[in-house]
Amino acid sequence: MFNDKEVAKEIDALMRELSGRLNTSLWLVKERCSNEEFLQYKTVVGQLMGEMFCSVKSRIYELHPDLTPEYLKDDPGSIKSPRPD
């Protein structure tokens, strides 16, 4: 996915921005909604972030290892797609 490194770099940056916004939205829901709503929303956000990583980011990092964040380089197994090729 995204053989063009510049496109991969831009998509990775957008995914990071989206992850940050999703984190921010968690704080909003935690502060303004019931605990039950927060727990439900947190589950959905976790699923979204997991899907973004498994379907997009991990594939970018496999194709362009130099774009892999340092915190993921310590555990090489963490960037492999869980789906069979």
PDB file of N, CA and C in Angstrom:
ATOM      1  N   MET A   1       0.844  -1.175   0.000  1.00  0.00           N
ATOM      2  CA  MET A   1       0.000   0.000   0.000  1.00  0.00           C
ATOM      3  C   MET A   1       0.890   1.239   0.000  1.00  0.00           C
ATOM      4  N   PHE A   2       0.596   2.138  -0.891  1.00  0.00           N
ATOM      5  CA  PHE A   2       1.323   3.407  -1.030  1.00  0.00           C
ATOM      6  C   PHE A   2       2.807   3.188  -1.343  1.00  0.00           C
ATOM      7  N   ASN A   3       3.054   2.686  -2.537  1.00  0.00           N
ATOM      8  CA  ASN A   3       4.430   2.485  -2.965  1.00  0.00           C
ATOM      9  C   ASN A   3       5.206   3.789  -3.029  1.00  0.00           C
ATOM     10  N   ASP A   4       4.527   4.879  -3.369  1.00  0.00           N
ATOM     11  CA  ASP A   4       5.161   6.192  -3.411  1.00  0.00           C
ATOM     12  C   ASP A   4       5.442   6.639  -1.977  1.00  0.00           C
ATOM     13  N   LYS A   5       6.716   6.789  -1.643  1.00  0.00           N
ATOM     14  CA  LYS A   5       7.109   7.099  -0.273  1.00  0.00           C
ATOM     15  C   LYS A   5       6.541   8.431   0.203  1.00  0.00           C
ATOM     16  N   GLU A   6       6.477   9.421  -0.660  1.00  0.00           N
ATOM     17  CA  GLU A   6       5.942  10.723  -0.253  1.00  0.00           C
ATOM     18  C   GLU A   6       4.458  10.631   0.084  1.00  0.00           C
ATOM     19  N   VAL A   7       3.726   9.863  -0.691  1.00  0.00           N
ATOM     20  CA  VAL A   7       2.306   9.650  -0.389  1.00  0.00           C
ATOM     21  C   VAL A   7       2.190   8.911   0.945  1.00  0.00           C
ATOM     22  N   ALA A   8       2.998   7.879   1.141  1.00  0.00           N
ATOM     23  CA  ALA A   8       2.981   7.122   2.391  1.00  0.00           C
ATOM     24  C   ALA A   8       3.276   8.036   3.579  1.00  0.00           C
ATOM     25  N   LYS A   9       4.233   8.911   3.409  1.00  0.00           N
ATOM     26  CA  LYS A   9       4.612   9.843   4.479  1.00  0.00           C
ATOM     27  C   LYS A   9       3.452  10.781   4.826  1.00  0.00           C
ATOM     28  N   GLU A  10       2.779  11.280   3.809  1.00  0.00           N
ATOM     29  CA  GLU A  10       1.637  12.172   4.037  1.00  0.00           C
ATOM     30  C   GLU A  10       0.477  11.432   4.691  1.00  0.00           C
ATOM     31  N   ILE A  11       0.202  10.223   4.228  1.00  0.00           N
ATOM     32  CA  ILE A  11      -0.880   9.429   4.820  1.00  0.00           C
ATOM     33  C   ILE A  11      -0.551   9.108   6.274  1.00  0.00           C
ATOM     34  N   ASP A  12       0.699   8.746   6.552  1.00  0.00           N
ATOM     35  CA  ASP A  12       1.111   8.458   7.921  1.00  0.00           C
ATOM     36  C   ASP A  12       0.893   9.685   8.806  1.00  0.00           C
ATOM     37  N   ALA A  13       1.266  10.849   8.326  1.00  0.00           N
ATOM     38  CA  ALA A  13       1.078  12.083   9.101  1.00  0.00           C
ATOM     39  C   ALA A  13      -0.405  12.340   9.349  1.00  0.00           C
ATOM     40  N   LEU A  14      -1.234  12.114   8.347  1.00  0.00           N
ATOM     41  CA  LEU A  14      -2.679  12.300   8.510  1.00  0.00           C
ATOM     42  C   LEU A  14      -3.252  11.296   9.509  1.00  0.00           C
ATOM     43  N   MET A  15      -2.770  10.060   9.464  1.00  0.00           N
ATOM     44  CA  MET A  15      -3.228   9.050  10.415  1.00  0.00           C
ATOM     45  C   MET A  15      -2.835   9.415  11.845  1.00  0.00           C
ATOM     46  N   ARG A  16      -1.638   9.969  12.007  1.00  0.00           N
ATOM     47  CA  ARG A  16      -1.203  10.418  13.339  1.00  0.00           C
ATOM     48  C   ARG A  16      -2.086  11.555  13.838  1.00  0.00           C
ATOM     49  N   GLU A  17      -2.397  12.482  12.934  1.00  0.00           N
ATOM     50  CA  GLU A  17      -3.271  13.592  13.301  1.00  0.00           C
ATOM     51  C   GLU A  17      -4.653  13.069  13.697  1.00  0.00           C
ATOM     52  N   LEU A  18      -5.161  12.149  12.919  1.00  0.00           N
ATOM     53  CA  LEU A  18      -6.469  11.563  13.218  1.00  0.00           C
ATOM     54  C   LEU A  18      -6.455  10.842  14.564  1.00  0.00           C
ATOM     55  N   SER A  19      -5.395  10.113  14.849  1.00  0.00           N
ATOM     56  CA  SER A  19      -5.271   9.434  16.142  1.00  0.00           C
ATOM     57  C   SER A  19      -5.289  10.436  17.288  1.00  0.00           C
ATOM     58  N   GLY A  20      -4.595  11.550  17.105  1.00  0.00           N
ATOM     59  CA  GLY A  20      -4.586  12.597  18.124  1.00  0.00           C
ATOM     60  C   GLY A  20      -5.970  13.187  18.340  1.00  0.00           C
ATOM     61  N   ARG A  21      -6.693  13.394  17.261  1.00  0.00           N
ATOM     62  CA  ARG A  21      -8.050  13.935  17.375  1.00  0.00           C
ATOM     63  C   ARG A  21      -8.989  12.943  18.055  1.00  0.00           C
ATOM     64  N   LEU A  22      -8.816  11.675  17.743  1.00  0.00           N
ATOM     65  CA  LEU A  22      -9.627  10.662  18.408  1.00  0.00           C
ATOM     66  C   LEU A  22      -9.327  10.627  19.907  1.00  0.00           C
ATOM     67  N   ASN A  23      -8.055  10.748  20.275  1.00  0.00           N
ATOM     68  CA  ASN A  23      -7.692  10.816  21.698  1.00  0.00           C
ATOM     69  C   ASN A  23      -8.339  12.019  22.364  1.00  0.00           C
ATOM     70  N   THR A  24      -8.300  13.158  21.691  1.00  0.00           N
ATOM     71  CA  THR A  24      -8.920  14.364  22.231  1.00  0.00           C
ATOM     72  C   THR A  24     -10.417  14.159  22.422  1.00  0.00           C
ATOM     73  N   SER A  25     -11.042  13.484  21.469  1.00  0.00           N
ATOM     74  CA  SER A  25     -12.483  13.242  21.573  1.00  0.00           C
ATOM     75  C   SER A  25     -12.810  12.358  22.777  1.00  0.00           C
ATOM     76  N   LEU A  26     -11.892  11.468  23.138  1.00  0.00           N
ATOM     77  CA  LEU A  26     -12.108  10.630  24.316  1.00  0.00           C
ATOM     78  C   LEU A  26     -12.215  11.482  25.578  1.00  0.00           C
ATOM     79  N   TRP A  27     -11.322  12.477  25.695  1.00  0.00           N
ATOM     80  CA  TRP A  27     -11.356  13.360  26.866  1.00  0.00           C
ATOM     81  C   TRP A  27     -12.659  14.148  26.909  1.00  0.00           C
ATOM     82  N   LEU A  28     -13.126  14.593  25.761  1.00  0.00           N
ATOM     83  CA  LEU A  28     -14.382  15.326  25.690  1.00  0.00           C
ATOM     84  C   LEU A  28     -15.538  14.465  26.207  1.00  0.00           C
ATOM     85  N   VAL A  29     -15.615  13.247  25.719  1.00  0.00           N
ATOM     86  CA  VAL A  29     -16.691  12.340  26.128  1.00  0.00           C
ATOM     87  C   VAL A  29     -16.551  11.987  27.607  1.00  0.00           C
ATOM     88  N   LYS A  30     -15.338  11.758  28.062  1.00  0.00           N
ATOM     89  CA  LYS A  30     -15.114  11.417  29.476  1.00  0.00           C
ATOM     90  C   LYS A  30     -15.584  12.542  30.393  1.00  0.00           C
ATOM     91  N   GLU A  31     -15.314  13.784  29.994  1.00  0.00           N
ATOM     92  CA  GLU A  31     -15.660  14.937  30.830  1.00  0.00           C
ATOM     93  C   GLU A  31     -17.141  15.296  30.778  1.00  0.00           C
ATOM     94  N   ARG A  32     -17.808  15.030  29.665  1.00  0.00           N
ATOM     95  CA  ARG A  32     -19.161  15.553  29.483  1.00  0.00           C
ATOM     96  C   ARG A  32     -20.270  14.509  29.416  1.00  0.00           C
ATOM     97  N   CYS A  33     -19.910  13.256  29.380  1.00  0.00           N
ATOM     98  CA  CYS A  33     -20.920  12.212  29.218  1.00  0.00           C
ATOM     99  C   CYS A  33     -20.871  11.242  30.388  1.00  0.00           C
ATOM    100  N   SER A  34     -21.849  10.370  30.434  1.00  0.00           N
ATOM    101  CA  SER A  34     -21.882   9.370  31.501  1.00  0.00           C
ATOM    102  C   SER A  34     -20.731   8.386  31.324  1.00  0.00           C
ATOM    103  N   ASN A  35     -20.422   7.681  32.400  1.00  0.00           N
ATOM    104  CA  ASN A  35     -19.363   6.679  32.338  1.00  0.00           C
ATOM    105  C   ASN A  35     -19.726   5.577  31.348  1.00  0.00           C
ATOM    106  N   GLU A  36     -21.001   5.216  31.302  1.00  0.00           N
ATOM    107  CA  GLU A  36     -21.449   4.191  30.366  1.00  0.00           C
ATOM    108  C   GLU A  36     -21.209   4.630  28.915  1.00  0.00           C
ATOM    109  N   GLU A  37     -21.546   5.885  28.612  1.00  0.00           N
ATOM    110  CA  GLU A  37     -21.319   6.408  27.252  1.00  0.00           C
ATOM    111  C   GLU A  37     -19.827   6.451  26.936  1.00  0.00           C
ATOM    112  N   PHE A  38     -19.040   6.858  27.925  1.00  0.00           N
ATOM    113  CA  PHE A  38     -17.593   6.918  27.720  1.00  0.00           C
ATOM    114  C   PHE A  38     -17.035   5.532  27.412  1.00  0.00           C
ATOM    115  N   LEU A  39     -17.436   4.545  28.175  1.00  0.00           N
ATOM    116  CA  LEU A  39     -16.923   3.184  27.951  1.00  0.00           C
ATOM    117  C   LEU A  39     -17.319   2.660  26.575  1.00  0.00           C
ATOM    118  N   GLN A  40     -18.529   2.939  26.158  1.00  0.00           N
ATOM    119  CA  GLN A  40     -18.962   2.527  24.824  1.00  0.00           C
ATOM    120  C   GLN A  40     -18.146   3.234  23.747  1.00  0.00           C
ATOM    121  N   TYR A  41     -17.963   4.537  23.917  1.00  0.00           N
ATOM    122  CA  TYR A  41     -17.230   5.323  22.935  1.00  0.00           C
ATOM    123  C   TYR A  41     -15.765   4.905  22.891  1.00  0.00           C
ATOM    124  N   LYS A  42     -15.187   4.650  24.061  1.00  0.00           N
ATOM    125  CA  LYS A  42     -13.786   4.229  24.131  1.00  0.00           C
ATOM    126  C   LYS A  42     -13.575   2.935  23.353  1.00  0.00           C
ATOM    127  N   THR A  43     -14.541   2.040  23.428  1.00  0.00           N
ATOM    128  CA  THR A  43     -14.458   0.778  22.684  1.00  0.00           C
ATOM    129  C   THR A  43     -14.436   1.046  21.181  1.00  0.00           C
ATOM    130  N   VAL A  44     -15.316   1.928  20.731  1.00  0.00           N
ATOM    131  CA  VAL A  44     -15.381   2.255  19.306  1.00  0.00           C
ATOM    132  C   VAL A  44     -14.086   2.926  18.850  1.00  0.00           C
ATOM    133  N   VAL A  45     -13.583   3.865  19.627  1.00  0.00           N
ATOM    134  CA  VAL A  45     -12.344   4.551  19.268  1.00  0.00           C
ATOM    135  C   VAL A  45     -11.186   3.559  19.215  1.00  0.00           C
ATOM    136  N   GLY A  46     -11.141   2.646  20.151  1.00  0.00           N
ATOM    137  CA  GLY A  46     -10.101   1.616  20.134  1.00  0.00           C
ATOM    138  C   GLY A  46     -10.168   0.757  18.885  1.00  0.00           C
ATOM    139  N   GLN A  47     -11.379   0.419  18.470  1.00  0.00           N
ATOM    140  CA  GLN A  47     -11.543  -0.372  17.250  1.00  0.00           C
ATOM    141  C   GLN A  47     -11.081   0.425  16.028  1.00  0.00           C
ATOM    142  N   LEU A  48     -11.441   1.706  15.982  1.00  0.00           N
ATOM    143  CA  LEU A  48     -11.019   2.553  14.863  1.00  0.00           C
ATOM    144  C   LEU A  48      -9.500   2.659  14.794  1.00  0.00           C
ATOM    145  N   MET A  49      -8.878   2.910  15.936  1.00  0.00           N
ATOM    146  CA  MET A  49      -7.422   3.058  15.956  1.00  0.00           C
ATOM    147  C   MET A  49      -6.732   1.745  15.598  1.00  0.00           C
ATOM    148  N   GLY A  50      -7.275   0.648  16.080  1.00  0.00           N
ATOM    149  CA  GLY A  50      -6.702  -0.655  15.738  1.00  0.00           C
ATOM    150  C   GLY A  50      -6.797  -0.936  14.251  1.00  0.00           C
ATOM    151  N   GLU A  51      -7.940  -0.625  13.676  1.00  0.00           N
ATOM    152  CA  GLU A  51      -8.127  -0.834  12.237  1.00  0.00           C
ATOM    153  C   GLU A  51      -7.198   0.062  11.428  1.00  0.00           C
ATOM    154  N   MET A  52      -7.059   1.318  11.854  1.00  0.00           N
ATOM    155  CA  MET A  52      -6.142   2.233  11.149  1.00  0.00           C
ATOM    156  C   MET A  52      -4.721   1.677  11.175  1.00  0.00           C
ATOM    157  N   PHE A  53      -4.325   1.167  12.332  1.00  0.00           N
ATOM    158  CA  PHE A  53      -2.965   0.651  12.426  1.00  0.00           C
ATOM    159  C   PHE A  53      -2.789  -0.606  11.580  1.00  0.00           C
ATOM    160  N   CYS A  54      -3.689  -1.552  11.748  1.00  0.00           N
ATOM    161  CA  CYS A  54      -3.537  -2.835  11.045  1.00  0.00           C
ATOM    162  C   CYS A  54      -3.716  -2.716   9.536  1.00  0.00           C
ATOM    163  N   SER A  55      -4.645  -1.885   9.115  1.00  0.00           N
ATOM    164  CA  SER A  55      -4.964  -1.805   7.685  1.00  0.00           C
ATOM    165  C   SER A  55      -4.143  -0.780   6.918  1.00  0.00           C
ATOM    166  N   VAL A  56      -3.630   0.226   7.600  1.00  0.00           N
ATOM    167  CA  VAL A  56      -2.924   1.296   6.887  1.00  0.00           C
ATOM    168  C   VAL A  56      -1.501   1.467   7.399  1.00  0.00           C
ATOM    169  N   LYS A  57      -1.366   1.852   8.653  1.00  0.00           N
ATOM    170  CA  LYS A  57      -0.043   2.226   9.161  1.00  0.00           C
ATOM    171  C   LYS A  57       0.963   1.079   9.132  1.00  0.00           C
ATOM    172  N   SER A  58       0.560  -0.114   9.574  1.00  0.00           N
ATOM    173  CA  SER A  58       1.520  -1.226   9.596  1.00  0.00           C
ATOM    174  C   SER A  58       1.997  -1.566   8.189  1.00  0.00           C
ATOM    175  N   ARG A  59       1.117  -1.416   7.222  1.00  0.00           N
ATOM    176  CA  ARG A  59       1.504  -1.709   5.833  1.00  0.00           C
ATOM    177  C   ARG A  59       2.466  -0.650   5.297  1.00  0.00           C
ATOM    178  N   ILE A  60       2.236   0.594   5.700  1.00  0.00           N
ATOM    179  CA  ILE A  60       3.176   1.661   5.326  1.00  0.00           C
ATOM    180  C   ILE A  60       4.546   1.354   5.919  1.00  0.00           C
ATOM    181  N   TYR A  61       4.574   0.978   7.200  1.00  0.00           N
ATOM    182  CA  TYR A  61       5.851   0.728   7.871  1.00  0.00           C
ATOM    183  C   TYR A  61       6.560  -0.505   7.326  1.00  0.00           C
ATOM    184  N   GLU A  62       5.810  -1.476   6.866  1.00  0.00           N
ATOM    185  CA  GLU A  62       6.434  -2.649   6.246  1.00  0.00           C
ATOM    186  C   GLU A  62       7.099  -2.274   4.927  1.00  0.00           C
ATOM    187  N   LEU A  63       6.439  -1.420   4.149  1.00  0.00           N
ATOM    188  CA  LEU A  63       6.946  -1.021   2.844  1.00  0.00           C
ATOM    189  C   LEU A  63       8.038   0.042   2.952  1.00  0.00           C
ATOM    190  N   HIS A  64       7.923   0.891   3.957  1.00  0.00           N
ATOM    191  CA  HIS A  64       8.864   2.000   4.163  1.00  0.00           C
ATOM    192  C   HIS A  64       9.327   1.982   5.621  1.00  0.00           C
ATOM    193  N   PRO A  65      10.206   1.052   5.977  1.00  0.00           N
ATOM    194  CA  PRO A  65      10.630   0.896   7.374  1.00  0.00           C
ATOM    195  C   PRO A  65      11.199   2.170   8.004  1.00  0.00           C
ATOM    196  N   ASP A  66      11.779   3.030   7.194  1.00  0.00           N
ATOM    197  CA  ASP A  66      12.350   4.259   7.745  1.00  0.00           C
ATOM    198  C   ASP A  66      11.279   5.226   8.245  1.00  0.00           C
ATOM    199  N   LEU A  67      10.013   4.996   7.914  1.00  0.00           N
ATOM    200  CA  LEU A  67       8.920   5.828   8.421  1.00  0.00           C
ATOM    201  C   LEU A  67       8.378   5.299   9.758  1.00  0.00           C
ATOM    202  N   THR A  68       8.839   4.117  10.152  1.00  0.00           N
ATOM    203  CA  THR A  68       8.373   3.518  11.397  1.00  0.00           C
ATOM    204  C   THR A  68       8.843   4.355  12.589  1.00  0.00           C
ATOM    205  N   PRO A  69       7.912   4.727  13.479  1.00  0.00           N
ATOM    206  CA  PRO A  69       8.298   5.473  14.673  1.00  0.00           C
ATOM    207  C   PRO A  69       9.243   4.655  15.552  1.00  0.00           C
ATOM    208  N   GLU A  70      10.127   5.337  16.239  1.00  0.00           N
ATOM    209  CA  GLU A  70      11.116   4.669  17.085  1.00  0.00           C
ATOM    210  C   GLU A  70      10.480   3.737  18.109  1.00  0.00           C
ATOM    211  N   TYR A  71       9.353   4.164  18.692  1.00  0.00           N
ATOM    212  CA  TYR A  71       8.744   3.352  19.737  1.00  0.00           C
ATOM    213  C   TYR A  71       8.228   2.007  19.217  1.00  0.00           C
ATOM    214  N   LEU A  72       8.086   1.861  17.908  1.00  0.00           N
ATOM    215  CA  LEU A  72       7.666   0.581  17.339  1.00  0.00           C
ATOM    216  C   LEU A  72       8.847  -0.261  16.887  1.00  0.00           C
ATOM    217  N   LYS A  73      10.000   0.338  16.738  1.00  0.00           N
ATOM    218  CA  LYS A  73      11.167  -0.399  16.262  1.00  0.00           C
ATOM    219  C   LYS A  73      11.711  -1.363  17.307  1.00  0.00           C
ATOM    220  N   ASP A  74      11.396  -1.152  18.581  1.00  0.00           N
ATOM    221  CA  ASP A  74      11.879  -2.028  19.639  1.00  0.00           C
ATOM    222  C   ASP A  74      11.243  -3.404  19.576  1.00  0.00           C
ATOM    223  N   ASP A  75      10.056  -3.488  18.987  1.00  0.00           N
ATOM    224  CA  ASP A  75       9.330  -4.750  18.908  1.00  0.00           C
ATOM    225  C   ASP A  75       8.958  -4.999  17.450  1.00  0.00           C
ATOM    226  N   PRO A  76       9.846  -5.633  16.671  1.00  0.00           N
ATOM    227  CA  PRO A  76       9.593  -5.814  15.245  1.00  0.00           C
ATOM    228  C   PRO A  76       8.273  -6.513  14.942  1.00  0.00           C
ATOM    229  N   GLY A  77       7.791  -7.363  15.839  1.00  0.00           N
ATOM    230  CA  GLY A  77       6.533  -8.050  15.609  1.00  0.00           C
ATOM    231  C   GLY A  77       5.333  -7.122  15.651  1.00  0.00           C
ATOM    232  N   SER A  78       5.504  -5.928  16.222  1.00  0.00           N
ATOM    233  CA  SER A  78       4.364  -5.031  16.385  1.00  0.00           C
ATOM    234  C   SER A  78       3.971  -4.336  15.089  1.00  0.00           C
ATOM    235  N   ILE A  79       4.811  -4.409  14.056  1.00  0.00           N
ATOM    236  CA  ILE A  79       4.449  -3.721  12.821  1.00  0.00           C
ATOM    237  C   ILE A  79       3.992  -4.688  11.735  1.00  0.00           C
ATOM    238  N   LYS A  80       3.887  -5.938  12.056  1.00  0.00           N
ATOM    239  CA  LYS A  80       3.442  -6.908  11.062  1.00  0.00           C
ATOM    240  C   LYS A  80       1.920  -6.954  11.010  1.00  0.00           C
ATOM    241  N   SER A  81       1.423  -7.040   9.829  1.00  0.00           N
ATOM    242  CA  SER A  81      -0.011  -7.134   9.647  1.00  0.00           C
ATOM    243  C   SER A  81      -0.518  -8.467  10.171  1.00  0.00           C
ATOM    244  N   PRO A  82      -1.629  -8.455  10.929  1.00  0.00           N
ATOM    245  CA  PRO A  82      -2.145  -9.715  11.443  1.00  0.00           C
ATOM    246  C   PRO A  82      -2.844 -10.549  10.374  1.00  0.00           C
ATOM    247  N   ARG A  83      -3.065  -9.953   9.207  1.00  0.00           N
ATOM    248  CA  ARG A  83      -3.754 -10.650   8.134  1.00  0.00           C
ATOM    249  C   ARG A  83      -2.758 -11.427   7.282  1.00  0.00           C
ATOM    250  N   PRO A  84      -3.142 -12.607   6.831  1.00  0.00           N
ATOM    251  CA  PRO A  84      -2.248 -13.361   5.941  1.00  0.00           C
ATOM    252  C   PRO A  84      -2.115 -12.638   4.596  1.00  0.00           C
ATOM    253  N   ASP A  85      -0.972 -12.782   3.966  1.00  0.00           N
ATOM    254  CA  ASP A  85      -0.739 -12.132   2.662  1.00  0.00           C
ATOM    255  C   ASP A  85      -1.473 -12.815   1.552  1.00  0.00           C
TER     256      ASP A  85
END
